Amino acid sequence: MSITASFTGSITALAVFMFVNSITPGPNNLMLLHGSIKRGFWACRFHMLGICVGVTVMLWLSYWGMAALVVSFPSIMLIIKILGTLYLL
């Protein structure tokens, strides 16, 4: 039961992160806006594909790195939680 709940929470967090990442006006979105205004939507298709692939690779590498860190040092999860809470406050 806890594995399913944890998996569901992880998928929800991933979906929220990807949604927010796709609508925030970061450098990738601004470059796409500029390119599509200058050359059209179709000319930016490879740039859009590159952004999608890049975000996917970034997420997987981050996940693998954090998983390896937490598995190697389980006590570090408490430090991450405390620092994250302080950052949000």
N, C-alpha and C. Protein backbone atom coordinates (compact mmCIF):
# COMPACT_ATOMS: atom_id res chain seq x y z
N MET A 1 0.82 -1.19 0.00
CA MET A 1 0.00 0.00 0.00
C MET A 1 0.87 1.26 0.00
N SER A 2 1.89 1.28 0.83
CA SER A 2 2.72 2.48 0.90
C SER A 2 3.54 2.66 -0.38
N ILE A 3 3.89 1.56 -1.04
CA ILE A 3 4.64 1.67 -2.29
C ILE A 3 3.77 2.33 -3.36
N THR A 4 2.50 1.95 -3.44
CA THR A 4 1.59 2.54 -4.42
C THR A 4 1.37 4.01 -4.12
N ALA A 5 1.16 4.34 -2.85
CA ALA A 5 0.94 5.74 -2.48
C ALA A 5 2.18 6.57 -2.80
N SER A 6 3.35 6.03 -2.53
CA SER A 6 4.58 6.73 -2.82
C SER A 6 4.77 6.92 -4.33
N PHE A 7 4.45 5.88 -5.08
CA PHE A 7 4.56 5.96 -6.54
C PHE A 7 3.59 7.00 -7.09
N THR A 8 2.36 7.00 -6.59
CA THR A 8 1.36 7.97 -7.04
C THR A 8 1.80 9.38 -6.70
N GLY A 9 2.34 9.57 -5.51
CA GLY A 9 2.84 10.89 -5.13
C GLY A 9 3.99 11.33 -6.00
N SER A 10 4.87 10.40 -6.36
CA SER A 10 6.01 10.74 -7.22
C SER A 10 5.55 11.13 -8.62
N ILE A 11 4.59 10.38 -9.14
CA ILE A 11 4.08 10.70 -10.48
C ILE A 11 3.37 12.05 -10.47
N THR A 12 2.62 12.32 -9.41
CA THR A 12 1.94 13.61 -9.30
C THR A 12 2.95 14.74 -9.22
N ALA A 13 3.99 14.58 -8.41
CA ALA A 13 5.02 15.61 -8.31
C ALA A 13 5.72 15.83 -9.64
N LEU A 14 6.00 14.75 -10.35
CA LEU A 14 6.64 14.85 -11.67
C LEU A 14 5.74 15.59 -12.64
N ALA A 15 4.45 15.27 -12.65
CA ALA A 15 3.50 15.92 -13.56
C ALA A 15 3.39 17.41 -13.26
N VAL A 16 3.33 17.77 -11.98
CA VAL A 16 3.24 19.18 -11.60
C VAL A 16 4.52 19.91 -12.01
N PHE A 17 5.69 19.30 -11.76
CA PHE A 17 6.95 19.92 -12.15
C PHE A 17 7.01 20.14 -13.66
N MET A 18 6.64 19.14 -14.43
CA MET A 18 6.71 19.28 -15.89
C MET A 18 5.71 20.32 -16.40
N PHE A 19 4.53 20.40 -15.77
CA PHE A 19 3.55 21.41 -16.19
C PHE A 19 4.07 22.81 -15.90
N VAL A 20 4.56 23.03 -14.69
CA VAL A 20 5.08 24.35 -14.33
C VAL A 20 6.29 24.70 -15.19
N ASN A 21 7.15 23.72 -15.46
CA ASN A 21 8.32 23.94 -16.29
C ASN A 21 7.93 24.31 -17.72
N SER A 22 6.80 23.80 -18.18
CA SER A 22 6.40 24.08 -19.56
C SER A 22 5.73 25.44 -19.73
N ILE A 23 5.21 26.05 -18.66
CA ILE A 23 4.50 27.32 -18.82
C ILE A 23 5.26 28.51 -18.27
N THR A 24 6.33 28.28 -17.53
CA THR A 24 7.07 29.42 -17.00
C THR A 24 7.91 30.05 -18.11
N PRO A 25 8.07 31.36 -18.06
CA PRO A 25 8.81 32.04 -19.14
C PRO A 25 10.32 31.95 -18.96
N GLY A 26 10.84 30.77 -19.07
CA GLY A 26 12.29 30.57 -18.96
C GLY A 26 12.96 30.82 -20.28
N PRO A 27 14.27 30.64 -20.34
CA PRO A 27 15.00 30.93 -21.57
C PRO A 27 14.57 30.06 -22.75
N ASN A 28 14.23 28.79 -22.49
CA ASN A 28 13.80 27.94 -23.60
C ASN A 28 12.50 28.44 -24.22
N ASN A 29 11.54 28.78 -23.38
CA ASN A 29 10.27 29.26 -23.92
C ASN A 29 10.43 30.60 -24.63
N LEU A 30 11.31 31.47 -24.10
CA LEU A 30 11.53 32.76 -24.77
C LEU A 30 12.23 32.57 -26.11
N MET A 31 13.17 31.62 -26.20
CA MET A 31 13.83 31.34 -27.49
C MET A 31 12.83 30.77 -28.48
N LEU A 32 11.93 29.89 -28.01
CA LEU A 32 10.90 29.35 -28.90
C LEU A 32 9.96 30.44 -29.38
N LEU A 33 9.58 31.34 -28.48
CA LEU A 33 8.70 32.44 -28.87
C LEU A 33 9.38 33.31 -29.93
N HIS A 34 10.63 33.66 -29.70
CA HIS A 34 11.35 34.49 -30.67
C HIS A 34 11.51 33.78 -32.02
N GLY A 35 11.90 32.51 -31.96
CA GLY A 35 12.08 31.76 -33.21
C GLY A 35 10.79 31.56 -33.98
N SER A 36 9.69 31.31 -33.25
CA SER A 36 8.42 31.10 -33.95
C SER A 36 7.87 32.40 -34.52
N ILE A 37 8.17 33.52 -33.88
CA ILE A 37 7.74 34.81 -34.44
C ILE A 37 8.54 35.11 -35.70
N LYS A 38 9.85 34.84 -35.67
CA LYS A 38 10.71 35.14 -36.82
C LYS A 38 10.50 34.18 -37.99
N ARG A 39 10.43 32.87 -37.70
CA ARG A 39 10.45 31.88 -38.77
C ARG A 39 9.20 31.02 -38.86
N GLY A 40 8.35 31.05 -37.83
CA GLY A 40 7.14 30.24 -37.86
C GLY A 40 7.24 29.03 -36.94
N PHE A 41 6.10 28.49 -36.61
CA PHE A 41 6.01 27.37 -35.67
C PHE A 41 6.74 26.15 -36.19
N TRP A 42 6.56 25.84 -37.46
CA TRP A 42 7.12 24.61 -38.03
C TRP A 42 8.65 24.63 -38.02
N ALA A 43 9.25 25.79 -38.16
CA ALA A 43 10.71 25.89 -38.17
C ALA A 43 11.32 25.62 -36.79
N CYS A 44 10.52 25.71 -35.74
CA CYS A 44 11.03 25.51 -34.37
C CYS A 44 10.80 24.09 -33.85
N ARG A 45 10.37 23.20 -34.70
CA ARG A 45 10.02 21.85 -34.23
C ARG A 45 11.21 21.10 -33.65
N PHE A 46 12.40 21.27 -34.22
CA PHE A 46 13.57 20.57 -33.69
C PHE A 46 14.02 21.17 -32.35
N HIS A 47 13.84 22.47 -32.21
CA HIS A 47 14.14 23.11 -30.93
C HIS A 47 13.18 22.60 -29.85
N MET A 48 11.90 22.48 -30.19
CA MET A 48 10.92 21.94 -29.24
C MET A 48 11.25 20.50 -28.86
N LEU A 49 11.62 19.72 -29.84
CA LEU A 49 12.00 18.33 -29.58
C LEU A 49 13.23 18.27 -28.67
N GLY A 50 14.21 19.13 -28.93
CA GLY A 50 15.40 19.17 -28.11
C GLY A 50 15.11 19.56 -26.67
N ILE A 51 14.19 20.49 -26.48
CA ILE A 51 13.82 20.89 -25.12
C ILE A 51 13.13 19.72 -24.41
N CYS A 52 12.23 19.04 -25.09
CA CYS A 52 11.54 17.89 -24.48
C CYS A 52 12.52 16.79 -24.10
N VAL A 53 13.43 16.48 -24.99
CA VAL A 53 14.42 15.44 -24.71
C VAL A 53 15.35 15.89 -23.58
N GLY A 54 15.76 17.15 -23.60
CA GLY A 54 16.65 17.67 -22.57
C GLY A 54 16.03 17.66 -21.18
N VAL A 55 14.77 18.06 -21.08
CA VAL A 55 14.08 18.04 -19.79
C VAL A 55 13.92 16.61 -19.30
N THR A 56 13.62 15.69 -20.20
CA THR A 56 13.47 14.29 -19.81
C THR A 56 14.79 13.73 -19.30
N VAL A 57 15.87 14.00 -19.99
CA VAL A 57 17.19 13.53 -19.55
C VAL A 57 17.56 14.16 -18.21
N MET A 58 17.29 15.46 -18.05
CA MET A 58 17.60 16.15 -16.80
C MET A 58 16.83 15.52 -15.64
N LEU A 59 15.55 15.22 -15.85
CA LEU A 59 14.75 14.61 -14.79
C LEU A 59 15.26 13.23 -14.41
N TRP A 60 15.57 12.41 -15.41
CA TRP A 60 16.06 11.06 -15.12
C TRP A 60 17.41 11.08 -14.42
N LEU A 61 18.32 11.93 -14.86
CA LEU A 61 19.63 12.01 -14.21
C LEU A 61 19.50 12.53 -12.78
N SER A 62 18.62 13.50 -12.58
CA SER A 62 18.39 14.01 -11.23
C SER A 62 17.81 12.92 -10.35
N TYR A 63 16.85 12.18 -10.88
CA TYR A 63 16.22 11.10 -10.12
C TYR A 63 17.24 10.03 -9.74
N TRP A 64 18.04 9.59 -10.71
CA TRP A 64 19.04 8.55 -10.44
C TRP A 64 20.09 9.04 -9.44
N GLY A 65 20.51 10.29 -9.58
CA GLY A 65 21.50 10.84 -8.67
C GLY A 65 20.98 10.94 -7.25
N MET A 66 19.76 11.45 -7.09
CA MET A 66 19.18 11.57 -5.74
C MET A 66 18.89 10.19 -5.16
N ALA A 67 18.43 9.27 -5.98
CA ALA A 67 18.16 7.91 -5.49
C ALA A 67 19.45 7.26 -5.00
N ALA A 68 20.52 7.41 -5.75
CA ALA A 68 21.80 6.83 -5.34
C ALA A 68 22.30 7.47 -4.05
N LEU A 69 22.11 8.77 -3.92
CA LEU A 69 22.54 9.49 -2.72
C LEU A 69 21.75 9.04 -1.50
N VAL A 70 20.43 8.93 -1.63
CA VAL A 70 19.59 8.55 -0.50
C VAL A 70 19.79 7.08 -0.13
N VAL A 71 20.01 6.22 -1.11
CA VAL A 71 20.27 4.81 -0.81
C VAL A 71 21.62 4.65 -0.12
N SER A 72 22.61 5.40 -0.54
CA SER A 72 23.93 5.31 0.07
C SER A 72 23.96 5.90 1.48
N PHE A 73 23.27 7.01 1.65
CA PHE A 73 23.25 7.72 2.95
C PHE A 73 21.80 8.03 3.32
N PRO A 74 21.09 7.10 3.95
CA PRO A 74 19.67 7.33 4.27
C PRO A 74 19.44 8.53 5.19
N SER A 75 20.41 8.86 6.04
CA SER A 75 20.21 9.99 6.96
C SER A 75 20.20 11.33 6.23
N ILE A 76 20.71 11.37 5.02
CA ILE A 76 20.75 12.63 4.28
C ILE A 76 19.34 13.11 3.88
N MET A 77 18.39 12.18 3.86
CA MET A 77 17.02 12.56 3.51
C MET A 77 16.45 13.54 4.52
N LEU A 78 16.77 13.36 5.79
CA LEU A 78 16.32 14.29 6.82
C LEU A 78 16.91 15.68 6.58
N ILE A 79 18.17 15.75 6.21
CA ILE A 79 18.82 17.03 5.92
C ILE A 79 18.14 17.71 4.73
N ILE A 80 17.84 16.92 3.69
CA ILE A 80 17.17 17.47 2.50
C ILE A 80 15.79 18.01 2.88
N LYS A 81 15.07 17.29 3.72
CA LYS A 81 13.73 17.75 4.15
C LYS A 81 13.82 19.04 4.95
N ILE A 82 14.78 19.12 5.84
CA ILE A 82 14.94 20.33 6.65
C ILE A 82 15.33 21.53 5.78
N LEU A 83 16.29 21.34 4.90
CA LEU A 83 16.72 22.43 4.01
C LEU A 83 15.59 22.86 3.08
N GLY A 84 14.83 21.90 2.57
CA GLY A 84 13.71 22.24 1.70
C GLY A 84 12.63 23.02 2.43
N THR A 85 12.36 22.63 3.67
CA THR A 85 11.37 23.35 4.47
C THR A 85 11.85 24.77 4.76
N LEU A 86 13.11 24.91 5.15
CA LEU A 86 13.65 26.25 5.40
C LEU A 86 13.61 27.12 4.16
N TYR A 87 13.91 26.54 3.01
CA TYR A 87 13.87 27.29 1.76
C TYR A 87 12.46 27.78 1.48
N LEU A 88 11.46 26.92 1.68
CA LEU A 88 10.09 27.32 1.41
C LEU A 88 9.57 28.35 2.39
N LEU A 89 10.07 28.29 3.62
CA LEU A 89 9.65 29.29 4.61
C LEU A 89 10.28 30.64 4.32
